[in-house]
Amino acid sequence: MNKYSPLEKYLYYLKRYDTVINLPFAEIEEIIGKPLPPSAHKHPAWWANDSTGSHTHARAWMRAGWKVDHIDLANEYVEFSVTE
């Protein structure tokens, strides 16, 4: 189990009810029980749908069947949509 497993489970469950969701960074932090890294607040690339390397965060939402469609760093929220 990694830091982002709770997010994966949360998103997997939501897929039954929604196809697009907007999550504030603060809510994601509540879900995972830890703060997001500083790079998540500063760099849109952190939110890329990239399943390679050390991107355990991206693999979590992608395994749950979601992708990031939009990131708003100024207002600290991310829009996810279902991929399946």
Protein backbone atom coordinates (compact mmCIF):
# COMPACT_ATOMS: atom_id res chain seq x y z
CA MET A 1 0.00 0.00 0.00
CA ASN A 2 1.41 3.38 -0.95
CA LYS A 3 0.56 6.92 0.07
CA TYR A 4 -1.97 7.28 -2.76
CA SER A 5 -3.84 3.98 -2.30
CA PRO A 6 -6.66 5.72 -0.38
CA LEU A 7 -7.12 8.10 -3.33
CA GLU A 8 -7.27 5.14 -5.72
CA LYS A 9 -9.97 3.46 -3.62
CA TYR A 10 -11.94 6.70 -3.30
CA LEU A 11 -11.89 7.35 -7.04
CA TYR A 12 -12.72 3.76 -7.87
CA TYR A 13 -15.82 4.00 -5.68
CA LEU A 14 -16.88 7.36 -7.16
CA LYS A 15 -16.77 5.95 -10.68
CA ARG A 16 -20.12 4.28 -9.97
CA TYR A 17 -21.77 7.68 -9.54
CA ASP A 18 -19.79 10.31 -11.45
CA THR A 19 -17.85 10.62 -14.68
CA VAL A 20 -16.28 14.02 -13.91
CA ILE A 21 -15.29 15.34 -10.50
CA ASN A 22 -13.47 18.38 -9.17
CA LEU A 23 -11.41 17.78 -6.06
CA PRO A 24 -9.74 20.54 -4.07
CA PHE A 25 -6.17 19.75 -3.06
CA ALA A 26 -7.27 19.97 0.59
CA GLU A 27 -9.81 17.19 0.03
CA ILE A 28 -7.19 15.00 -1.63
CA GLU A 29 -4.96 15.58 1.38
CA GLU A 30 -7.80 14.50 3.67
CA ILE A 31 -8.33 11.36 1.59
CA ILE A 32 -4.66 10.34 1.67
CA GLY A 33 -4.15 11.53 5.25
CA LYS A 34 -1.02 13.49 4.35
CA PRO A 35 -0.12 16.74 2.64
CA LEU A 36 0.54 16.72 -1.06
CA PRO A 37 4.18 17.42 -1.91
CA PRO A 38 5.15 21.02 -2.69
CA SER A 39 5.59 20.10 -6.37
CA ALA A 40 1.86 19.27 -6.60
CA HIS A 41 1.11 22.89 -5.66
CA LYS A 42 3.67 24.41 -8.03
CA HIS A 43 4.04 22.24 -11.14
CA PRO A 44 1.25 21.15 -13.48
CA ALA A 45 3.53 18.34 -14.67
CA TRP A 46 3.06 16.63 -11.29
CA TRP A 47 -0.55 16.03 -12.33
CA ALA A 48 0.34 14.45 -15.67
CA ASN A 49 -1.33 11.15 -16.53
CA ASP A 50 2.02 9.38 -16.52
CA SER A 51 2.23 5.83 -15.26
CA THR A 52 6.00 5.47 -15.57
CA GLY A 53 8.83 5.97 -13.13
CA SER A 54 8.06 7.06 -9.60
CA HIS A 55 4.65 8.57 -10.37
CA THR A 56 2.73 6.48 -7.85
CA HIS A 57 0.16 9.27 -7.54
CA ALA A 58 -0.71 9.13 -11.28
CA ARG A 59 -0.80 5.34 -11.27
CA ALA A 60 -3.31 5.48 -8.41
CA TRP A 61 -5.91 7.54 -10.30
CA MET A 62 -5.23 5.75 -13.58
CA ARG A 63 -5.69 2.29 -12.00
CA ALA A 64 -9.01 3.53 -10.63
CA GLY A 65 -10.08 4.42 -14.19
CA TRP A 66 -9.64 8.19 -14.05
CA LYS A 67 -7.43 10.79 -15.73
CA VAL A 68 -6.64 14.40 -14.94
CA ASP A 69 -8.38 16.72 -17.40
CA HIS A 70 -7.63 20.09 -15.83
CA ILE A 71 -5.49 21.42 -13.03
CA ASP A 72 -5.94 24.83 -11.42
CA LEU A 73 -2.90 25.60 -9.30
CA ALA A 74 -4.10 29.09 -8.36
CA ASN A 75 -7.35 27.77 -6.85
CA GLU A 76 -5.85 24.41 -5.87
CA TYR A 77 -8.22 21.95 -7.47
CA VAL A 78 -7.99 19.18 -10.02
CA GLU A 79 -10.63 17.90 -12.43
CA PHE A 80 -10.71 14.15 -13.05
CA SER A 81 -12.74 12.29 -15.65
CA VAL A 82 -13.46 8.61 -16.14
CA THR A 83 -11.41 6.91 -18.84
CA GLU A 84 -13.33 3.64 -19.17
